[in-house]
Amino acid sequence: MIKAYYLPASRAIAAGIILVLMGLFPLYFVMLTDHSVTAGFQFFLETFTGFPEVMLGIIFLVILISGILYLKNARKILRLKLDEQGVYYFPFGENRPSKYKPLFNLFFLKEKLLFIAYKDIIKAELIYDKWLGDVVILQLKNGQAKRVLAATLSLADKKEITILINSKTQTNCL
């Protein structure tokens, strides 16, 4: 493997803390209104008494568990991988509208990494855009352009990705 790029740990930790706080919101709310820690836990246990309460409790529990998973896996969230054969990447807006695509990966409902061989790539470009963020685009031999979901990576990482991909595609052409 040449190199793997991960989500910055600071972003994953911040998202995890926010999700944990959102998951514990009913507990905090009752503790603040009743001025009692035991009342907060009692409310949490009584949440599972009827259908609407059970659904709301499950939603908050899923949010809490996903926050804990974010904190647990903060340094392990893979965004892009380059190896000797090609590029493994997350698709950006393929098969779904692009503005909703990041929402599907919020709770680790991520898709498998897609693979593109270096022999199918003409070149990689880094396009600077202050509104959408800097984007790495792979120009393929069949005329398609694939956007690589690398928005969370630093600009130096994006430049390094384009240099590594272009160096591999140059050696395959010769």
Protein backbone atom coordinates (compact mmCIF):
# COMPACT_ATOMS: atom_id res chain seq x y z
CA MET A 1 0.00 0.00 0.00
CA ILE A 2 1.32 3.41 -0.94
CA LYS A 3 -0.73 5.59 1.40
CA ALA A 4 -4.04 5.80 3.26
CA TYR A 5 -5.83 9.01 4.20
CA TYR A 6 -8.05 9.17 7.26
CA LEU A 7 -10.59 11.67 8.57
CA PRO A 8 -8.80 14.10 10.90
CA ALA A 9 -9.26 12.88 14.47
CA SER A 10 -10.24 16.34 15.71
CA ARG A 11 -13.28 16.40 13.42
CA ALA A 12 -14.35 12.89 14.41
CA ILE A 13 -13.95 13.69 18.11
CA ALA A 14 -15.95 16.92 17.76
CA ALA A 15 -18.73 15.07 15.91
CA GLY A 16 -18.68 12.29 18.52
CA ILE A 17 -18.99 14.71 21.44
CA ILE A 18 -21.87 16.56 19.76
CA LEU A 19 -23.70 13.30 19.05
CA VAL A 20 -23.20 12.05 22.63
CA LEU A 21 -24.58 15.31 24.01
CA MET A 22 -27.56 15.10 21.63
CA GLY A 23 -28.20 11.51 22.71
CA LEU A 24 -28.18 12.48 26.38
CA PHE A 25 -30.36 15.57 25.85
CA PRO A 26 -33.56 14.08 27.41
CA LEU A 27 -31.59 13.15 30.51
CA TYR A 28 -30.11 16.67 30.79
CA PHE A 29 -33.47 18.31 30.20
CA VAL A 30 -35.25 16.42 32.99
CA MET A 31 -32.30 16.88 35.34
CA LEU A 32 -32.46 20.66 34.78
CA THR A 33 -36.24 20.93 35.14
CA ASP A 34 -36.64 18.63 38.18
CA HIS A 35 -33.29 19.57 39.79
CA SER A 36 -32.54 15.93 40.45
CA VAL A 37 -30.17 13.41 38.92
CA THR A 38 -32.38 10.50 39.97
CA ALA A 39 -35.38 12.12 38.24
CA GLY A 40 -33.35 12.25 35.02
CA PHE A 41 -32.53 8.56 35.16
CA GLN A 42 -36.11 7.71 36.20
CA PHE A 43 -37.39 9.61 33.15
CA PHE A 44 -34.98 7.71 30.93
CA LEU A 45 -36.28 4.38 32.28
CA GLU A 46 -39.91 5.47 31.94
CA THR A 47 -39.33 6.50 28.34
CA PHE A 48 -39.97 2.96 27.17
CA THR A 49 -43.67 2.78 28.21
CA GLY A 50 -45.58 3.55 24.98
CA PHE A 51 -45.05 3.47 21.22
CA PRO A 52 -44.16 7.16 20.63
CA GLU A 53 -41.91 7.17 23.67
CA VAL A 54 -40.18 3.98 22.57
CA MET A 55 -39.52 5.43 19.09
CA LEU A 56 -38.15 8.66 20.57
CA GLY A 57 -36.02 6.67 23.01
CA ILE A 58 -34.63 4.53 20.20
CA ILE A 59 -33.74 7.62 18.17
CA PHE A 60 -31.86 9.17 21.09
CA LEU A 61 -30.19 5.83 21.82
CA VAL A 62 -29.01 5.49 18.20
CA ILE A 63 -27.61 9.02 18.32
CA LEU A 64 -25.83 8.24 21.60
CA ILE A 65 -24.35 4.98 20.30
CA SER A 66 -23.20 6.60 17.06
CA GLY A 67 -21.46 9.33 19.07
CA ILE A 68 -19.69 6.70 21.14
CA LEU A 69 -18.65 4.90 17.92
CA TYR A 70 -17.29 8.17 16.51
CA LEU A 71 -15.23 8.67 19.67
CA LYS A 72 -14.04 5.05 19.64
CA ASN A 73 -13.05 5.09 15.94
CA ALA A 74 -11.81 8.68 15.77
CA ARG A 75 -8.47 7.78 14.22
CA LYS A 76 -9.71 4.91 12.03
CA ILE A 77 -12.20 6.52 9.62
CA LEU A 78 -10.70 5.86 6.17
CA ARG A 79 -11.41 8.42 3.44
CA LEU A 80 -9.06 7.41 0.60
CA LYS A 81 -6.50 4.71 -0.06
CA LEU A 82 -3.83 4.47 -2.74
CA ASP A 83 -2.05 1.20 -3.42
CA GLU A 84 0.06 -0.30 -6.21
CA GLN A 85 -2.94 -1.19 -8.41
CA GLY A 86 -5.17 1.86 -8.10
CA VAL A 87 -7.27 4.23 -6.04
CA TYR A 88 -9.89 3.23 -3.46
CA TYR A 89 -12.23 6.14 -2.82
CA PHE A 90 -15.65 7.12 -1.55
CA PRO A 91 -17.96 8.20 -4.35
CA PHE A 92 -19.15 11.78 -4.25
CA GLY A 93 -22.75 12.11 -5.34
CA GLU A 94 -22.98 8.95 -7.44
CA ASN A 95 -26.37 7.21 -7.60
CA ARG A 96 -27.83 9.81 -5.22
CA PRO A 97 -28.11 13.59 -5.30
CA SER A 98 -24.74 15.01 -4.26
CA LYS A 99 -26.12 17.41 -1.65
CA TYR A 100 -27.58 14.48 0.34
CA LYS A 101 -24.63 12.12 -0.05
CA PRO A 102 -22.69 13.14 3.11
CA LEU A 103 -25.81 12.59 5.24
CA PHE A 104 -25.77 8.87 4.44
CA ASN A 105 -22.30 8.47 5.95
CA LEU A 106 -23.10 10.29 9.21
CA PHE A 107 -23.88 7.23 11.29
CA PHE A 108 -21.32 4.88 9.70
CA LEU A 109 -23.81 3.78 7.04
CA LYS A 110 -20.98 4.12 4.59
CA GLU A 111 -20.64 2.34 1.33
CA LYS A 112 -17.70 0.25 0.32
CA LEU A 113 -14.76 2.01 -1.19
CA LEU A 114 -14.87 2.03 -4.97
CA PHE A 115 -11.78 1.01 -6.95
CA ILE A 116 -10.31 2.59 -10.07
CA ALA A 117 -7.15 1.11 -11.57
CA TYR A 118 -4.32 3.46 -12.53
CA LYS A 119 -4.48 2.12 -16.09
CA ASP A 120 -8.01 3.58 -16.42
CA ILE A 121 -7.02 7.06 -15.22
CA ILE A 122 -5.66 9.73 -17.56
CA LYS A 123 -4.84 12.26 -14.84
CA ALA A 124 -5.87 13.65 -11.47
CA GLU A 125 -6.70 17.30 -11.03
CA LEU A 126 -7.07 19.48 -7.97
CA ILE A 127 -9.72 22.11 -8.57
CA TYR A 128 -9.78 25.06 -6.20
CA ASP A 129 -13.26 26.29 -5.31
CA LYS A 130 -13.94 28.54 -2.34
CA TRP A 131 -17.65 27.67 -2.28
CA LEU A 132 -17.62 23.88 -2.57
CA GLY A 133 -14.14 23.25 -1.24
CA ASP A 134 -11.11 22.00 -3.09
CA VAL A 135 -11.98 18.87 -5.06
CA VAL A 136 -9.84 16.07 -6.47
CA ILE A 137 -11.18 14.95 -9.84
CA LEU A 138 -10.02 11.83 -11.68
CA GLN A 139 -10.20 12.05 -15.49
CA LEU A 140 -10.84 8.56 -16.86
CA LYS A 141 -10.02 7.12 -20.29
CA ASN A 142 -13.70 6.47 -21.03
CA GLY A 143 -14.40 10.23 -20.82
CA GLN A 144 -15.91 10.26 -17.34
CA ALA A 145 -14.74 12.45 -14.49
CA LYS A 146 -14.96 11.06 -10.95
CA ARG A 147 -15.03 13.36 -7.92
CA VAL A 148 -13.19 11.95 -4.95
CA LEU A 149 -14.72 12.69 -1.54
CA ALA A 150 -11.67 14.25 0.07
CA ALA A 151 -13.20 17.45 1.45
CA THR A 152 -12.09 16.68 5.00
CA LEU A 153 -8.45 16.31 4.02
CA SER A 154 -5.97 19.16 4.13
CA LEU A 155 -4.86 21.00 1.00
CA ALA A 156 -1.38 19.46 1.33
CA ASP A 157 -2.93 15.97 1.39
CA LYS A 158 -5.00 16.75 -1.70
CA LYS A 159 -1.92 17.98 -3.56
CA GLU A 160 -0.03 14.85 -2.49
CA ILE A 161 -2.89 12.66 -3.73
CA THR A 162 -2.90 14.28 -7.16
CA ILE A 163 0.91 14.02 -7.41
CA LEU A 164 0.91 10.33 -6.43
CA ILE A 165 -1.91 9.44 -8.83
CA ASN A 166 -0.35 11.40 -11.69
CA SER A 167 3.04 9.76 -11.09
CA LYS A 168 1.43 6.29 -11.23
CA THR A 169 -0.56 7.09 -14.37
CA GLN A 170 2.58 8.47 -16.07
CA THR A 171 4.50 5.25 -15.37
CA ASN A 172 1.61 3.15 -16.70
CA CYS A 173 1.52 5.14 -19.94
CA LEU A 174 5.24 4.61 -20.66
